[in-house]
Amino acid sequence: MLAAQAPDSITMEVSREAFRNAMSVLAAAVNVVTTDGPAGRAGFTATAVCSVSDEPPSLLVCLNRSASVYETFCANGHLCVNTLTADQQALSNLFGGKTSMTERFATADWSTECTGAPLLDDALINFDCRITNRVAVGSHDILICEIVSIRQRECGDSLIYFQRSYCNAIQLMSAQHG
C-alpha cells in the first residue's frame, strides 16, 4: 500500500537547484577541517561531515576536487575535523572564504596531537584523523578518515547551518516548539 503524500509537501524534479534547496533544510554542524604537513597548511569550512563506523572509529569528509585546498589534503594524508561552537561564526566565514591560509590560521589558537593536523583550541570537539580511503563521487571526493584521537570540551553549543543561515541547537529547538 502506498502512503499518501503529506498535504503540505510537494514533489519536484531532482534538479541541481531542487537538491540544493532540499539540502538547506538538513541541519548540520559547522566544522573547520584542517591539515598540515609536507604539502603545507590548509583548512576549509565543511558541513558535509558524518560518522561512518565505530569499529574502527571513523568519519567521512566531503571535499570538492576543484577546491584550492584539495591537493594539500590529499598529499598530507591526515586532517582534523574541528567542530565549531555557536560563537565561532566569524571563524567559519573566514575558513569558507577567499582569505589566505596565513590569515585564516592567525585568528585562533591551534595545537597538534597525533597526526600533526592543527587542532582548534576552542573547538567543541576535535577529531584528529588519518585519511584511509578516497571515493570519487560527482565533483567531490569522500575522504574516509580513521580517528586516532578525540579532544572534547565538557560543555558548549554547536554552531549549526540550517536554511542557509547559522544558528545553534537551542535556537532550532525553540523554533520547533515556539
N, C-alpha and C. Protein backbone atom coordinates (compact mmCIF):
# COMPACT_ATOMS: atom_id res chain seq x y z
N MET A 1 0.85 -1.18 0.00
CA MET A 1 0.00 0.00 0.00
C MET A 1 0.89 1.24 0.00
N LEU A 2 0.62 2.18 -0.86
CA LEU A 2 1.38 3.41 -0.93
C LEU A 2 0.87 4.41 0.10
N ALA A 3 1.80 5.08 0.72
CA ALA A 3 1.43 6.12 1.70
C ALA A 3 0.97 7.36 0.96
N ALA A 4 -0.01 8.03 1.50
CA ALA A 4 -0.49 9.28 0.91
C ALA A 4 0.52 10.39 1.15
N GLN A 5 0.61 11.31 0.20
CA GLN A 5 1.52 12.44 0.33
C GLN A 5 1.00 13.40 1.39
N ALA A 6 1.90 13.91 2.22
CA ALA A 6 1.52 14.88 3.24
C ALA A 6 0.90 16.09 2.56
N PRO A 7 -0.15 16.68 3.15
CA PRO A 7 -0.87 17.78 2.49
C PRO A 7 -0.03 19.02 2.23
N ASP A 8 1.02 19.27 3.00
CA ASP A 8 1.81 20.49 2.80
C ASP A 8 3.14 20.22 2.10
N SER A 9 3.28 19.06 1.47
CA SER A 9 4.53 18.76 0.77
C SER A 9 4.30 18.80 -0.73
N ILE A 10 5.41 18.99 -1.45
CA ILE A 10 5.34 18.98 -2.91
C ILE A 10 6.42 18.04 -3.43
N THR A 11 6.15 17.44 -4.56
CA THR A 11 7.13 16.59 -5.22
C THR A 11 7.70 17.39 -6.37
N MET A 12 9.03 17.35 -6.51
CA MET A 12 9.65 18.12 -7.58
C MET A 12 10.72 17.29 -8.26
N GLU A 13 11.07 17.71 -9.46
CA GLU A 13 12.14 17.07 -10.21
C GLU A 13 13.45 17.23 -9.44
N VAL A 14 14.31 16.23 -9.52
CA VAL A 14 15.58 16.29 -8.80
C VAL A 14 16.61 17.01 -9.67
N SER A 15 16.52 18.32 -9.68
CA SER A 15 17.48 19.16 -10.39
C SER A 15 18.55 19.60 -9.39
N ARG A 16 19.58 20.23 -9.89
CA ARG A 16 20.63 20.76 -9.00
C ARG A 16 20.02 21.75 -8.01
N GLU A 17 19.16 22.64 -8.51
CA GLU A 17 18.54 23.65 -7.63
C GLU A 17 17.62 23.00 -6.59
N ALA A 18 16.82 22.01 -7.01
CA ALA A 18 15.94 21.32 -6.07
C ALA A 18 16.76 20.60 -5.00
N PHE A 19 17.85 19.97 -5.42
CA PHE A 19 18.72 19.27 -4.47
C PHE A 19 19.31 20.26 -3.46
N ARG A 20 19.83 21.38 -3.94
CA ARG A 20 20.42 22.37 -3.03
C ARG A 20 19.37 22.93 -2.06
N ASN A 21 18.16 23.18 -2.56
CA ASN A 21 17.10 23.68 -1.69
C ASN A 21 16.72 22.64 -0.64
N ALA A 22 16.65 21.39 -1.04
CA ALA A 22 16.33 20.33 -0.08
C ALA A 22 17.43 20.19 0.96
N MET A 23 18.68 20.27 0.55
CA MET A 23 19.80 20.14 1.49
C MET A 23 19.84 21.30 2.48
N SER A 24 19.27 22.45 2.10
CA SER A 24 19.30 23.60 3.01
C SER A 24 18.48 23.36 4.27
N VAL A 25 17.56 22.41 4.25
CA VAL A 25 16.78 22.11 5.45
C VAL A 25 17.30 20.88 6.19
N LEU A 26 18.47 20.40 5.79
CA LEU A 26 19.14 19.32 6.50
C LEU A 26 20.16 19.98 7.43
N ALA A 27 19.78 20.22 8.66
CA ALA A 27 20.65 20.91 9.61
C ALA A 27 21.94 20.14 9.80
N ALA A 28 23.06 20.85 9.90
CA ALA A 28 24.37 20.20 10.04
C ALA A 28 25.29 21.03 10.92
N ALA A 29 26.13 20.34 11.67
CA ALA A 29 27.16 21.02 12.45
C ALA A 29 28.16 21.66 11.50
N VAL A 30 28.71 22.80 11.91
CA VAL A 30 29.71 23.50 11.12
C VAL A 30 31.09 23.14 11.66
N ASN A 31 31.97 22.76 10.75
CA ASN A 31 33.32 22.31 11.11
C ASN A 31 34.36 23.06 10.31
N VAL A 32 35.52 23.27 10.91
CA VAL A 32 36.69 23.72 10.16
C VAL A 32 37.61 22.51 10.08
N VAL A 33 37.89 22.09 8.86
CA VAL A 33 38.72 20.92 8.62
C VAL A 33 40.12 21.41 8.26
N THR A 34 41.14 20.88 8.95
CA THR A 34 42.50 21.40 8.80
C THR A 34 43.49 20.27 8.52
N THR A 35 44.62 20.66 7.93
CA THR A 35 45.74 19.74 7.72
C THR A 35 47.04 20.53 7.75
N ASP A 36 48.12 19.84 8.03
CA ASP A 36 49.45 20.44 7.96
C ASP A 36 50.43 19.30 7.72
N GLY A 37 51.43 19.55 6.91
CA GLY A 37 52.41 18.51 6.60
C GLY A 37 53.29 18.94 5.45
N PRO A 38 53.91 17.98 4.77
CA PRO A 38 54.84 18.30 3.68
C PRO A 38 54.23 19.16 2.58
N ALA A 39 52.93 19.03 2.33
CA ALA A 39 52.28 19.81 1.27
C ALA A 39 51.82 21.18 1.75
N GLY A 40 51.96 21.45 3.06
CA GLY A 40 51.59 22.75 3.59
C GLY A 40 50.41 22.69 4.54
N ARG A 41 50.05 23.86 5.02
CA ARG A 41 48.95 24.01 5.99
C ARG A 41 47.73 24.55 5.25
N ALA A 42 46.57 23.94 5.52
CA ALA A 42 45.35 24.37 4.84
C ALA A 42 44.14 24.06 5.71
N GLY A 43 43.04 24.74 5.40
CA GLY A 43 41.80 24.49 6.11
C GLY A 43 40.62 25.04 5.34
N PHE A 44 39.46 24.45 5.59
CA PHE A 44 38.22 24.89 4.94
C PHE A 44 37.04 24.61 5.87
N THR A 45 35.94 25.30 5.62
CA THR A 45 34.71 25.09 6.37
C THR A 45 33.89 24.01 5.69
N ALA A 46 33.32 23.10 6.51
CA ALA A 46 32.53 22.00 5.95
C ALA A 46 31.36 21.65 6.84
N THR A 47 30.25 21.34 6.21
CA THR A 47 29.12 20.74 6.92
C THR A 47 28.92 19.30 6.45
N ALA A 48 29.56 18.91 5.37
CA ALA A 48 29.44 17.55 4.84
C ALA A 48 30.42 16.64 5.56
N VAL A 49 30.11 16.36 6.82
CA VAL A 49 30.92 15.52 7.70
C VAL A 49 29.96 14.63 8.47
N CYS A 50 30.23 13.34 8.55
CA CYS A 50 29.38 12.47 9.38
C CYS A 50 30.13 11.20 9.77
N SER A 51 29.56 10.51 10.74
CA SER A 51 30.19 9.27 11.21
C SER A 51 30.04 8.18 10.16
N VAL A 52 31.00 7.26 10.17
CA VAL A 52 30.96 6.10 9.28
C VAL A 52 30.80 4.83 10.10
N SER A 53 31.69 4.66 11.09
CA SER A 53 31.71 3.42 11.86
C SER A 53 32.34 3.68 13.23
N ASP A 54 31.98 2.85 14.21
CA ASP A 54 32.66 2.95 15.50
C ASP A 54 33.74 1.88 15.64
N GLU A 55 33.86 1.00 14.63
CA GLU A 55 34.91 -0.01 14.64
C GLU A 55 35.45 -0.20 13.24
N PRO A 56 36.51 0.42 12.83
CA PRO A 56 37.27 1.38 13.62
C PRO A 56 36.55 2.73 13.66
N PRO A 57 36.79 3.52 14.70
CA PRO A 57 36.15 4.84 14.76
C PRO A 57 36.55 5.65 13.52
N SER A 58 35.55 6.05 12.75
CA SER A 58 35.84 6.75 11.50
C SER A 58 34.70 7.69 11.14
N LEU A 59 35.04 8.66 10.32
CA LEU A 59 34.06 9.59 9.80
C LEU A 59 34.40 9.89 8.36
N LEU A 60 33.50 10.59 7.71
CA LEU A 60 33.77 10.99 6.33
C LEU A 60 33.69 12.50 6.22
N VAL A 61 34.48 13.03 5.29
CA VAL A 61 34.51 14.45 4.97
C VAL A 61 34.43 14.55 3.46
N CYS A 62 33.52 15.37 2.97
CA CYS A 62 33.41 15.57 1.52
C CYS A 62 34.20 16.83 1.13
N LEU A 63 35.01 16.69 0.09
CA LEU A 63 35.87 17.78 -0.36
C LEU A 63 35.78 17.89 -1.88
N ASN A 64 35.45 19.08 -2.35
CA ASN A 64 35.35 19.35 -3.78
C ASN A 64 36.74 19.24 -4.41
N ARG A 65 36.84 18.47 -5.50
CA ARG A 65 38.14 18.29 -6.16
C ARG A 65 38.64 19.58 -6.81
N SER A 66 37.76 20.57 -7.01
CA SER A 66 38.22 21.84 -7.58
C SER A 66 38.61 22.85 -6.50
N ALA A 67 38.48 22.49 -5.23
CA ALA A 67 38.84 23.40 -4.14
C ALA A 67 40.35 23.65 -4.13
N SER A 68 40.73 24.86 -3.77
CA SER A 68 42.16 25.21 -3.75
C SER A 68 42.95 24.36 -2.75
N VAL A 69 42.30 23.81 -1.75
CA VAL A 69 42.98 23.02 -0.71
C VAL A 69 43.02 21.53 -1.03
N TYR A 70 42.40 21.10 -2.10
CA TYR A 70 42.25 19.68 -2.39
C TYR A 70 43.59 18.94 -2.41
N GLU A 71 44.51 19.40 -3.20
CA GLU A 71 45.80 18.71 -3.34
C GLU A 71 46.56 18.66 -2.02
N THR A 72 46.47 19.71 -1.23
CA THR A 72 47.16 19.76 0.07
C THR A 72 46.64 18.66 0.99
N PHE A 73 45.33 18.50 1.08
CA PHE A 73 44.75 17.47 1.94
C PHE A 73 45.12 16.07 1.45
N CYS A 74 45.06 15.86 0.15
CA CYS A 74 45.40 14.54 -0.39
C CYS A 74 46.86 14.20 -0.14
N ALA A 75 47.74 15.15 -0.35
CA ALA A 75 49.17 14.90 -0.18
C ALA A 75 49.55 14.68 1.28
N ASN A 76 48.95 15.44 2.19
CA ASN A 76 49.30 15.29 3.61
C ASN A 76 48.76 14.00 4.21
N GLY A 77 47.61 13.53 3.76
CA GLY A 77 47.10 12.25 4.20
C GLY A 77 46.49 12.21 5.59
N HIS A 78 46.29 13.34 6.20
CA HIS A 78 45.65 13.41 7.52
C HIS A 78 44.92 14.75 7.65
N LEU A 79 44.02 14.80 8.63
CA LEU A 79 43.25 16.02 8.84
C LEU A 79 42.68 16.02 10.25
N CYS A 80 42.17 17.19 10.63
CA CYS A 80 41.44 17.31 11.89
C CYS A 80 40.11 17.99 11.59
N VAL A 81 39.03 17.38 12.07
CA VAL A 81 37.70 17.97 12.00
C VAL A 81 37.48 18.69 13.32
N ASN A 82 37.38 20.02 13.25
CA ASN A 82 37.19 20.87 14.42
C ASN A 82 35.75 21.37 14.40
N THR A 83 34.91 20.84 15.28
CA THR A 83 33.50 21.25 15.32
C THR A 83 33.39 22.57 16.07
N LEU A 84 32.80 23.56 15.41
CA LEU A 84 32.74 24.91 15.95
C LEU A 84 31.64 25.08 16.98
N THR A 85 31.88 26.01 17.90
CA THR A 85 30.88 26.37 18.89
C THR A 85 29.99 27.47 18.31
N ALA A 86 28.86 27.70 18.97
CA ALA A 86 27.88 28.66 18.49
C ALA A 86 28.44 30.07 18.32
N ASP A 87 29.50 30.41 19.03
CA ASP A 87 30.06 31.76 18.94
C ASP A 87 31.22 31.87 17.95
N GLN A 88 31.43 30.87 17.10
CA GLN A 88 32.56 30.88 16.15
C GLN A 88 32.13 31.06 14.70
N GLN A 89 31.05 31.78 14.48
CA GLN A 89 30.57 32.03 13.13
C GLN A 89 31.61 32.78 12.28
N ALA A 90 32.28 33.76 12.86
CA ALA A 90 33.28 34.53 12.11
C ALA A 90 34.41 33.62 11.62
N LEU A 91 34.82 32.66 12.43
CA LEU A 91 35.87 31.72 12.02
C LEU A 91 35.38 30.84 10.86
N SER A 92 34.13 30.42 10.93
CA SER A 92 33.55 29.65 9.83
C SER A 92 33.58 30.44 8.53
N ASN A 93 33.17 31.69 8.60
CA ASN A 93 33.18 32.55 7.41
C ASN A 93 34.58 32.74 6.87
N LEU A 94 35.54 32.91 7.75
CA LEU A 94 36.92 33.12 7.34
C LEU A 94 37.47 31.89 6.59
N PHE A 95 37.25 30.70 7.14
CA PHE A 95 37.74 29.47 6.51
C PHE A 95 36.91 29.08 5.29
N GLY A 96 35.73 29.67 5.15
CA GLY A 96 34.89 29.40 3.99
C GLY A 96 35.07 30.41 2.87
N GLY A 97 35.91 31.42 3.10
CA GLY A 97 36.08 32.49 2.13
C GLY A 97 37.35 32.36 1.31
N LYS A 98 37.74 33.46 0.73
CA LYS A 98 38.90 33.51 -0.17
C LYS A 98 40.13 34.09 0.52
N THR A 99 40.16 34.12 1.85
CA THR A 99 41.31 34.67 2.57
C THR A 99 42.48 33.71 2.52
N SER A 100 43.68 34.24 2.71
CA SER A 100 44.88 33.41 2.67
C SER A 100 44.91 32.46 3.87
N MET A 101 45.64 31.38 3.73
CA MET A 101 45.78 30.42 4.82
C MET A 101 46.43 31.07 6.04
N THR A 102 47.37 31.95 5.80
CA THR A 102 48.03 32.64 6.91
C THR A 102 47.01 33.43 7.73
N GLU A 103 46.13 34.17 7.05
CA GLU A 103 45.09 34.94 7.74
C GLU A 103 44.11 34.02 8.47
N ARG A 104 43.73 32.94 7.84
CA ARG A 104 42.77 32.02 8.46
C ARG A 104 43.30 31.50 9.79
N PHE A 105 44.54 31.03 9.78
CA PHE A 105 45.09 30.41 10.98
C PHE A 105 45.53 31.43 12.04
N ALA A 106 45.73 32.69 11.63
CA ALA A 106 46.19 33.71 12.57
C ALA A 106 45.09 34.17 13.53
N THR A 107 43.85 33.85 13.25
CA THR A 107 42.74 34.38 14.05
C THR A 107 42.33 33.50 15.22
N ALA A 108 43.02 32.39 15.43
CA ALA A 108 42.65 31.48 16.53
C ALA A 108 43.90 30.80 17.06
N ASP A 109 43.75 30.12 18.20
CA ASP A 109 44.86 29.37 18.79
C ASP A 109 44.73 27.90 18.38
N TRP A 110 45.89 27.33 18.02
CA TRP A 110 45.94 25.97 17.49
C TRP A 110 46.98 25.15 18.25
N SER A 111 46.77 23.86 18.28
CA SER A 111 47.76 22.92 18.82
C SER A 111 47.75 21.69 17.92
N THR A 112 48.58 20.71 18.24
CA THR A 112 48.60 19.46 17.47
C THR A 112 48.62 18.27 18.42
N GLU A 113 48.22 17.14 17.90
CA GLU A 113 48.31 15.89 18.65
C GLU A 113 48.94 14.84 17.74
N CYS A 114 48.29 13.73 17.52
CA CYS A 114 48.89 12.57 16.85
C CYS A 114 49.35 12.81 15.41
N THR A 115 48.49 13.39 14.58
CA THR A 115 48.81 13.47 13.15
C THR A 115 49.60 14.71 12.77
N GLY A 116 49.59 15.72 13.60
CA GLY A 116 50.22 16.99 13.24
C GLY A 116 49.26 17.97 12.60
N ALA A 117 48.01 17.55 12.37
CA ALA A 117 47.00 18.48 11.83
C ALA A 117 46.64 19.50 12.90
N PRO A 118 46.37 20.74 12.53
CA PRO A 118 46.01 21.76 13.52
C PRO A 118 44.68 21.46 14.21
N LEU A 119 44.70 21.47 15.53
CA LEU A 119 43.50 21.32 16.35
C LEU A 119 43.15 22.70 16.90
N LEU A 120 41.93 23.15 16.62
CA LEU A 120 41.45 24.43 17.13
C LEU A 120 41.25 24.30 18.63
N ASP A 121 41.99 25.11 19.40
CA ASP A 121 41.95 25.00 20.85
C ASP A 121 40.56 25.24 21.44
N ASP A 122 39.76 26.12 20.84
CA ASP A 122 38.44 26.45 21.37
C ASP A 122 37.30 25.69 20.69
N ALA A 123 37.61 24.64 19.95
CA ALA A 123 36.55 23.87 19.28
C ALA A 123 35.71 23.12 20.30
N LEU A 124 34.49 22.80 19.92
CA LEU A 124 33.64 21.98 20.76
C LEU A 124 34.21 20.57 20.86
N ILE A 125 34.70 20.07 19.72
CA ILE A 125 35.33 18.76 19.66
C ILE A 125 36.32 18.75 18.51
N ASN A 126 37.41 18.01 18.68
CA ASN A 126 38.41 17.83 17.63
C ASN A 126 38.53 16.34 17.33
N PHE A 127 38.45 15.99 16.05
CA PHE A 127 38.69 14.62 15.61
C PHE A 127 39.98 14.62 14.80
N ASP A 128 41.05 14.11 15.36
CA ASP A 128 42.34 14.02 14.68
C ASP A 128 42.36 12.71 13.90
N CYS A 129 42.57 12.77 12.58
CA CYS A 129 42.32 11.61 11.72
C CYS A 129 43.42 11.36 10.69
N ARG A 130 43.52 10.09 10.30
CA ARG A 130 44.29 9.68 9.13
C ARG A 130 43.30 9.40 8.00
N ILE A 131 43.59 9.90 6.81
CA ILE A 131 42.73 9.60 5.65
C ILE A 131 43.10 8.19 5.18
N THR A 132 42.15 7.26 5.22
CA THR A 132 42.42 5.88 4.87
C THR A 132 41.88 5.49 3.50
N ASN A 133 40.97 6.30 2.94
CA ASN A 133 40.41 5.97 1.64
C ASN A 133 39.79 7.23 1.04
N ARG A 134 39.74 7.25 -0.29
CA ARG A 134 39.06 8.34 -1.01
C ARG A 134 38.16 7.71 -2.05
N VAL A 135 36.95 8.22 -2.14
CA VAL A 135 35.99 7.74 -3.13
C VAL A 135 35.49 8.94 -3.92
N ALA A 136 35.65 8.90 -5.23
CA ALA A 136 35.20 9.99 -6.08
C ALA A 136 33.71 9.82 -6.39
N VAL A 137 32.94 10.89 -6.14
CA VAL A 137 31.51 10.90 -6.47
C VAL A 137 31.19 12.29 -7.03
N GLY A 138 30.81 12.34 -8.27
CA GLY A 138 30.50 13.63 -8.89
C GLY A 138 31.69 14.56 -8.81
N SER A 139 31.47 15.77 -8.29
CA SER A 139 32.51 16.79 -8.20
C SER A 139 33.38 16.67 -6.95
N HIS A 140 33.04 15.75 -6.05
CA HIS A 140 33.71 15.67 -4.75
C HIS A 140 34.41 14.33 -4.53
N ASP A 141 35.34 14.34 -3.61
CA ASP A 141 35.89 13.11 -3.06
C ASP A 141 35.31 12.95 -1.66
N ILE A 142 34.94 11.74 -1.32
CA ILE A 142 34.57 11.41 0.04
C ILE A 142 35.83 10.88 0.69
N LEU A 143 36.33 11.60 1.68
CA LEU A 143 37.52 11.18 2.40
C LEU A 143 37.09 10.35 3.60
N ILE A 144 37.48 9.09 3.62
CA ILE A 144 37.19 8.22 4.75
C ILE A 144 38.36 8.39 5.73
N CYS A 145 38.04 8.75 6.96
CA CYS A 145 39.06 9.17 7.92
C CYS A 145 38.97 8.33 9.19
N GLU A 146 40.05 7.64 9.52
CA GLU A 146 40.10 6.90 10.78
C GLU A 146 40.52 7.84 11.89
N ILE A 147 39.74 7.89 12.95
CA ILE A 147 40.00 8.80 14.06
C ILE A 147 41.09 8.20 14.95
N VAL A 148 42.17 8.98 15.17
CA VAL A 148 43.26 8.49 16.01
C VAL A 148 43.25 9.14 17.39
N SER A 149 42.59 10.29 17.52
CA SER A 149 42.41 10.89 18.85
C SER A 149 41.23 11.84 18.81
N ILE A 150 40.60 11.99 19.97
CA ILE A 150 39.46 12.90 20.13
C ILE A 150 39.72 13.78 21.35
N ARG A 151 39.48 15.06 21.17
CA ARG A 151 39.53 16.00 22.28
C ARG A 151 38.20 16.72 22.31
N GLN A 152 37.52 16.72 23.48
CA GLN A 152 36.18 17.27 23.57
C GLN A 152 36.04 18.18 24.78
N ARG A 153 35.39 19.33 24.57
CA ARG A 153 35.07 20.23 25.69
C ARG A 153 33.98 19.61 26.54
N GLU A 154 33.94 19.99 27.79
CA GLU A 154 32.93 19.44 28.70
C GLU A 154 31.54 19.99 28.41
N CYS A 155 31.46 21.21 27.90
CA CYS A 155 30.15 21.77 27.60
C CYS A 155 30.29 22.77 26.46
N GLY A 156 29.17 23.11 25.88
CA GLY A 156 29.15 24.08 24.79
C GLY A 156 28.04 23.74 23.83
N ASP A 157 27.75 24.67 22.95
CA ASP A 157 26.68 24.51 21.98
C ASP A 157 27.29 24.59 20.58
N SER A 158 26.93 23.66 19.74
CA SER A 158 27.49 23.57 18.40
C SER A 158 26.89 24.62 17.46
N LEU A 159 27.73 25.16 16.58
CA LEU A 159 27.26 26.03 15.51
C LEU A 159 26.61 25.14 14.45
N ILE A 160 25.40 25.50 14.07
CA ILE A 160 24.61 24.72 13.11
C ILE A 160 24.34 25.58 11.88
N TYR A 161 24.32 24.93 10.70
CA TYR A 161 23.92 25.61 9.48
C TYR A 161 22.59 25.01 9.04
N PHE A 162 21.56 25.87 8.92
CA PHE A 162 20.21 25.40 8.62
C PHE A 162 19.49 26.49 7.84
N GLN A 163 18.87 26.14 6.73
CA GLN A 163 18.16 27.07 5.86
C GLN A 163 19.04 28.25 5.46
N ARG A 164 20.29 27.91 5.10
CA ARG A 164 21.28 28.88 4.61
C ARG A 164 21.63 29.96 5.63
N SER A 165 21.50 29.62 6.91
CA SER A 165 21.84 30.55 7.98
C SER A 165 22.49 29.80 9.14
N TYR A 166 23.26 30.54 9.92
CA TYR A 166 23.83 29.98 11.14
C TYR A 166 22.81 30.04 12.26
N CYS A 167 22.84 29.05 13.11
CA CYS A 167 22.05 29.05 14.33
C CYS A 167 22.71 28.05 15.28
N ASN A 168 22.07 27.81 16.40
CA ASN A 168 22.59 26.79 17.30
C ASN A 168 21.45 25.86 17.66
N ALA A 169 21.75 24.79 18.35
CA ALA A 169 20.75 23.78 18.66
C ALA A 169 19.62 24.35 19.50
N ILE A 170 19.92 25.24 20.41
CA ILE A 170 18.88 25.84 21.26
C ILE A 170 17.90 26.65 20.40
N GLN A 171 18.42 27.40 19.42
CA GLN A 171 17.55 28.17 18.53
C GLN A 171 16.66 27.23 17.71
N LEU A 172 17.24 26.12 17.23
CA LEU A 172 16.45 25.18 16.44
C LEU A 172 15.33 24.57 17.27
N MET A 173 15.63 24.18 18.50
CA MET A 173 14.61 23.60 19.38
C MET A 173 13.52 24.62 19.70
N SER A 174 13.90 25.87 19.94
CA SER A 174 12.93 26.93 20.25
C SER A 174 12.01 27.17 19.06
N ALA A 175 12.56 27.16 17.85
CA ALA A 175 11.77 27.39 16.65
C ALA A 175 10.76 26.26 16.44
N GLN A 176 11.14 25.05 16.76
CA GLN A 176 10.24 23.91 16.58
C GLN A 176 9.12 23.90 17.61
N HIS A 177 9.41 24.39 18.82
CA HIS A 177 8.42 24.33 19.90
C HIS A 177 7.76 25.67 20.18
N GLY A 178 8.17 26.70 19.44
CA GLY A 178 7.66 28.04 19.71
C GLY A 178 6.45 28.33 18.96
